[in-house]
């Protein structure tokens, strides 16, 4: 019994054995990239296509139309999924790496009289404040000028 791969399902579909060749039928073709025509019940026929001894597809002739159906190999699916995952991971890594960081200085504007305003940042201390905490709370200043 001859069997072919069914691309629509996991099961192998058995084909009926063709009748022995008669004097009216043409001679069989030699083994090559295209296999023999497999007649199906009704108005349909299959022609398998091989490459390097492996099936790569089949021509389906039914209803006056001829269509080509590829055989999907699991190795190709795994390779495609691995490639898609690698591209997605690389895209995510580039997006995270190239994310724009906010500037360390906020908006700088020039005010009237020539003073500069830095928005978004606290004003810097002009000199270190070595006063005790109660002097800072009361805003007390020294009477002696430091030199």
C-alpha atoms as a PDB file:
ATOM      1  CA  UNK A   1       0.000   0.000   0.000  1.00  0.00           C
ATOM      2  CA  UNK A   2       1.387   3.428  -0.977  1.00  0.00           C
ATOM      3  CA  UNK A   3       1.146   6.338   1.486  1.00  0.00           C
ATOM      4  CA  UNK A   4       1.711  10.090   1.148  1.00  0.00           C
ATOM      5  CA  UNK A   5       2.123  12.855   3.700  1.00  0.00           C
ATOM      6  CA  UNK A   6      -1.141  14.663   4.457  1.00  0.00           C
ATOM      7  CA  UNK A   7      -0.317  18.406   4.884  1.00  0.00           C
ATOM      8  CA  UNK A   8      -3.667  19.142   6.588  1.00  0.00           C
ATOM      9  CA  UNK A   9      -3.243  16.716   9.469  1.00  0.00           C
ATOM     10  CA  UNK A  10      -0.771  14.545  11.331  1.00  0.00           C
ATOM     11  CA  UNK A  11      -2.050  11.217  10.018  1.00  0.00           C
ATOM     12  CA  UNK A  12      -0.759   9.454   6.910  1.00  0.00           C
ATOM     13  CA  UNK A  13      -3.501   8.849   4.373  1.00  0.00           C
ATOM     14  CA  UNK A  14      -3.310   5.465   2.605  1.00  0.00           C
ATOM     15  CA  UNK A  15      -3.939   5.489  -1.153  1.00  0.00           C
ATOM     16  CA  UNK A  16      -5.561   2.693  -3.097  1.00  0.00           C
ATOM     17  CA  UNK A  17      -3.108   0.629  -5.122  1.00  0.00           C
ATOM     18  CA  UNK A  18      -3.289   1.580  -8.804  1.00  0.00           C
ATOM     19  CA  UNK A  19      -4.290  -1.024 -11.366  1.00  0.00           C
ATOM     20  CA  UNK A  20      -1.438  -2.833 -13.120  1.00  0.00           C
ATOM     21  CA  UNK A  21      -0.286  -1.027 -16.254  1.00  0.00           C
ATOM     22  CA  UNK A  22      -1.976  -2.086 -19.432  1.00  0.00           C
ATOM     23  CA  UNK A  23      -0.850  -1.757 -23.019  1.00  0.00           C
ATOM     24  CA  UNK A  24      -2.760   1.578 -23.373  1.00  0.00           C
ATOM     25  CA  UNK A  25      -1.095   3.316 -20.422  1.00  0.00           C
ATOM     26  CA  UNK A  26       2.193   5.190 -20.991  1.00  0.00           C
ATOM     27  CA  UNK A  27       5.506   3.852 -19.728  1.00  0.00           C
ATOM     28  CA  UNK A  28       6.462   4.906 -16.171  1.00  0.00           C
ATOM     29  CA  UNK A  29       8.783   7.896 -15.910  1.00  0.00           C
ATOM     30  CA  UNK A  30      12.239   7.446 -14.382  1.00  0.00           C
ATOM     31  CA  UNK A  31      12.765   8.457 -10.765  1.00  0.00           C
ATOM     32  CA  UNK A  32      13.576  12.179 -10.576  1.00  0.00           C
ATOM     33  CA  UNK A  33      12.451  15.374  -8.931  1.00  0.00           C
ATOM     34  CA  UNK A  34       8.813  14.781  -9.893  1.00  0.00           C
ATOM     35  CA  UNK A  35       7.170  11.552  -8.858  1.00  0.00           C
ATOM     36  CA  UNK A  36       4.472   9.573 -10.641  1.00  0.00           C
ATOM     37  CA  UNK A  37       0.921  10.901 -10.912  1.00  0.00           C
ATOM     38  CA  UNK A  38      -1.263   9.491  -8.133  1.00  0.00           C
ATOM     39  CA  UNK A  39      -4.910   9.314  -9.144  1.00  0.00           C
ATOM     40  CA  UNK A  40      -7.428  10.032  -6.373  1.00  0.00           C
ATOM     41  CA  UNK A  41     -11.138   9.177  -6.390  1.00  0.00           C
ATOM     42  CA  UNK A  42     -13.167  11.742  -8.279  1.00  0.00           C
ATOM     43  CA  UNK A  43     -11.557  14.451 -10.366  1.00  0.00           C
ATOM     44  CA  UNK A  44      -8.250  14.794  -8.466  1.00  0.00           C
ATOM     45  CA  UNK A  45      -4.606  13.808  -8.848  1.00  0.00           C
ATOM     46  CA  UNK A  46      -1.381  14.320  -6.885  1.00  0.00           C
ATOM     47  CA  UNK A  47       2.154  14.696  -8.224  1.00  0.00           C
ATOM     48  CA  UNK A  48       4.821  14.615  -5.479  1.00  0.00           C
ATOM     49  CA  UNK A  49       7.969  16.749  -5.842  1.00  0.00           C
ATOM     50  CA  UNK A  50      11.279  15.576  -4.305  1.00  0.00           C
ATOM     51  CA  UNK A  51      14.662  17.222  -3.768  1.00  0.00           C
ATOM     52  CA  UNK A  52      17.650  15.135  -2.739  1.00  0.00           C
ATOM     53  CA  UNK A  53      15.342  12.230  -1.944  1.00  0.00           C
ATOM     54  CA  UNK A  54      13.173  14.259   0.451  1.00  0.00           C
ATOM     55  CA  UNK A  55       9.610  15.397  -0.316  1.00  0.00           C
ATOM     56  CA  UNK A  56       9.399  19.189  -0.682  1.00  0.00           C
ATOM     57  CA  UNK A  57       5.864  19.584  -2.021  1.00  0.00           C
ATOM     58  CA  UNK A  58       3.059  18.222  -4.119  1.00  0.00           C
ATOM     59  CA  UNK A  59       1.060  19.424  -7.122  1.00  0.00           C
ATOM     60  CA  UNK A  60      -2.675  18.981  -6.521  1.00  0.00           C
ATOM     61  CA  UNK A  61      -4.888  18.856  -9.609  1.00  0.00           C
ATOM     62  CA  UNK A  62      -8.569  19.083  -8.701  1.00  0.00           C
ATOM     63  CA  UNK A  63     -11.587  20.796 -10.212  1.00  0.00           C
ATOM     64  CA  UNK A  64      -9.723  21.974 -13.300  1.00  0.00           C
ATOM     65  CA  UNK A  65      -7.062  23.808 -11.226  1.00  0.00           C
ATOM     66  CA  UNK A  66      -3.483  22.885 -10.406  1.00  0.00           C
ATOM     67  CA  UNK A  67      -2.030  24.137  -7.088  1.00  0.00           C
ATOM     68  CA  UNK A  68       1.332  23.585  -5.447  1.00  0.00           C
ATOM     69  CA  UNK A  69       1.437  22.782  -1.723  1.00  0.00           C
ATOM     70  CA  UNK A  70       4.750  22.911   0.169  1.00  0.00           C
ATOM     71  CA  UNK A  71       5.617  20.296   2.752  1.00  0.00           C
ATOM     72  CA  UNK A  72       6.434  22.048   6.025  1.00  0.00           C
ATOM     73  CA  UNK A  73       9.487  20.589   7.730  1.00  0.00           C
ATOM     74  CA  UNK A  74       9.881  20.867  11.527  1.00  0.00           C
ATOM     75  CA  UNK A  75      13.511  21.957  11.086  1.00  0.00           C
ATOM     76  CA  UNK A  76      12.373  24.988   9.082  1.00  0.00           C
ATOM     77  CA  UNK A  77       9.793  25.917  11.733  1.00  0.00           C
ATOM     78  CA  UNK A  78      12.371  25.751  14.531  1.00  0.00           C
ATOM     79  CA  UNK A  79      14.847  27.831  12.517  1.00  0.00           C
ATOM     80  CA  UNK A  80      12.199  30.468  11.746  1.00  0.00           C
ATOM     81  CA  UNK A  81      11.083  30.661  15.396  1.00  0.00           C
ATOM     82  CA  UNK A  82      14.692  30.946  16.596  1.00  0.00           C
ATOM     83  CA  UNK A  83      15.391  33.726  14.099  1.00  0.00           C
ATOM     84  CA  UNK A  84      12.245  35.634  15.080  1.00  0.00           C
ATOM     85  CA  UNK A  85      13.166  35.362  18.779  1.00  0.00           C
ATOM     86  CA  UNK A  86      16.698  36.621  18.099  1.00  0.00           C
ATOM     87  CA  UNK A  87      15.404  39.629  16.142  1.00  0.00           C
ATOM     88  CA  UNK A  88      12.879  40.469  18.890  1.00  0.00           C
ATOM     89  CA  UNK A  89      15.529  40.207  21.628  1.00  0.00           C
ATOM     90  CA  UNK A  90      17.970  42.383  19.667  1.00  0.00           C
ATOM     91  CA  UNK A  91      15.268  44.998  19.021  1.00  0.00           C
ATOM     92  CA  UNK A  92      14.350  45.103  22.721  1.00  0.00           C
ATOM     93  CA  UNK A  93      18.002  45.422  23.747  1.00  0.00           C
ATOM     94  CA  UNK A  94      18.594  48.301  21.318  1.00  0.00           C
ATOM     95  CA  UNK A  95      15.416  50.041  22.506  1.00  0.00           C
ATOM     96  CA  UNK A  96      16.491  49.819  26.163  1.00  0.00           C
ATOM     97  CA  UNK A  97      20.079  50.839  25.429  1.00  0.00           C
ATOM     98  CA  UNK A  98      19.177  53.824  23.263  1.00  0.00           C
ATOM     99  CA  UNK A  99      16.431  55.163  25.539  1.00  0.00           C
ATOM    100  CA  UNK A 100      16.932  58.886  25.941  1.00  0.00           C
ATOM    101  CA  UNK A 101      17.824  59.996  29.440  1.00  0.00           C
ATOM    102  CA  UNK A 102      16.739  63.375  30.775  1.00  0.00           C
ATOM    103  CA  UNK A 103      19.393  66.070  30.841  1.00  0.00           C
ATOM    104  CA  UNK A 104      21.200  66.719  34.134  1.00  0.00           C
ATOM    105  CA  UNK A 105      20.345  70.455  33.933  1.00  0.00           C
ATOM    106  CA  UNK A 106      16.777  71.667  33.560  1.00  0.00           C
ATOM    107  CA  UNK A 107      15.647  74.511  31.349  1.00  0.00           C
ATOM    108  CA  UNK A 108      18.058  77.448  31.399  1.00  0.00           C
ATOM    109  CA  UNK A 109      16.496  80.871  30.818  1.00  0.00           C
ATOM    110  CA  UNK A 110      17.865  84.398  31.009  1.00  0.00           C
ATOM    111  CA  UNK A 111      15.794  86.724  33.157  1.00  0.00           C
ATOM    112  CA  UNK A 112      15.605  90.499  33.282  1.00  0.00           C
ATOM    113  CA  UNK A 113      18.748  92.127  34.583  1.00  0.00           C
ATOM    114  CA  UNK A 114      20.983  89.275  33.400  1.00  0.00           C
ATOM    115  CA  UNK A 115      20.223  86.649  36.057  1.00  0.00           C
ATOM    116  CA  UNK A 116      20.055  82.995  35.039  1.00  0.00           C
ATOM    117  CA  UNK A 117      17.207  80.683  36.008  1.00  0.00           C
ATOM    118  CA  UNK A 118      17.676  76.904  36.182  1.00  0.00           C
ATOM    119  CA  UNK A 119      14.290  75.219  36.333  1.00  0.00           C
ATOM    120  CA  UNK A 120      13.908  71.785  37.842  1.00  0.00           C
ATOM    121  CA  UNK A 121      17.033  71.982  40.004  1.00  0.00           C
ATOM    122  CA  UNK A 122      17.543  73.269  43.525  1.00  0.00           C
ATOM    123  CA  UNK A 123      19.623  76.404  43.820  1.00  0.00           C
ATOM    124  CA  UNK A 124      23.254  75.617  44.658  1.00  0.00           C
ATOM    125  CA  UNK A 125      24.678  76.747  47.975  1.00  0.00           C
ATOM    126  CA  UNK A 126      27.117  79.578  47.514  1.00  0.00           C
ATOM    127  CA  UNK A 127      29.453  78.587  50.374  1.00  0.00           C
ATOM    128  CA  UNK A 128      29.450  75.809  52.929  1.00  0.00           C
ATOM    129  CA  UNK A 129      27.194  76.421  55.879  1.00  0.00           C
ATOM    130  CA  UNK A 130      29.072  75.449  59.056  1.00  0.00           C
ATOM    131  CA  UNK A 131      26.588  77.050  61.463  1.00  0.00           C
ATOM    132  CA  UNK A 132      24.806  74.963  64.096  1.00  0.00           C
ATOM    133  CA  UNK A 133      21.253  73.843  63.387  1.00  0.00           C
ATOM    134  CA  UNK A 134      19.622  76.498  65.606  1.00  0.00           C
ATOM    135  CA  UNK A 135      21.490  79.260  63.737  1.00  0.00           C
ATOM    136  CA  UNK A 136      20.214  77.956  60.411  1.00  0.00           C
ATOM    137  CA  UNK A 137      16.627  77.748  61.757  1.00  0.00           C
ATOM    138  CA  UNK A 138      16.803  81.304  63.109  1.00  0.00           C
ATOM    139  CA  UNK A 139      18.746  82.487  60.043  1.00  0.00           C
ATOM    140  CA  UNK A 140      21.347  83.974  62.303  1.00  0.00           C
ATOM    141  CA  UNK A 141      24.568  85.398  60.849  1.00  0.00           C
ATOM    142  CA  UNK A 142      27.988  85.907  62.382  1.00  0.00           C
ATOM    143  CA  UNK A 143      29.007  89.327  63.496  1.00  0.00           C
ATOM    144  CA  UNK A 144      32.628  88.671  62.563  1.00  0.00           C
ATOM    145  CA  UNK A 145      33.508  88.495  58.859  1.00  0.00           C
ATOM    146  CA  UNK A 146      35.407  85.360  57.862  1.00  0.00           C
ATOM    147  CA  UNK A 147      38.492  85.886  55.739  1.00  0.00           C
END
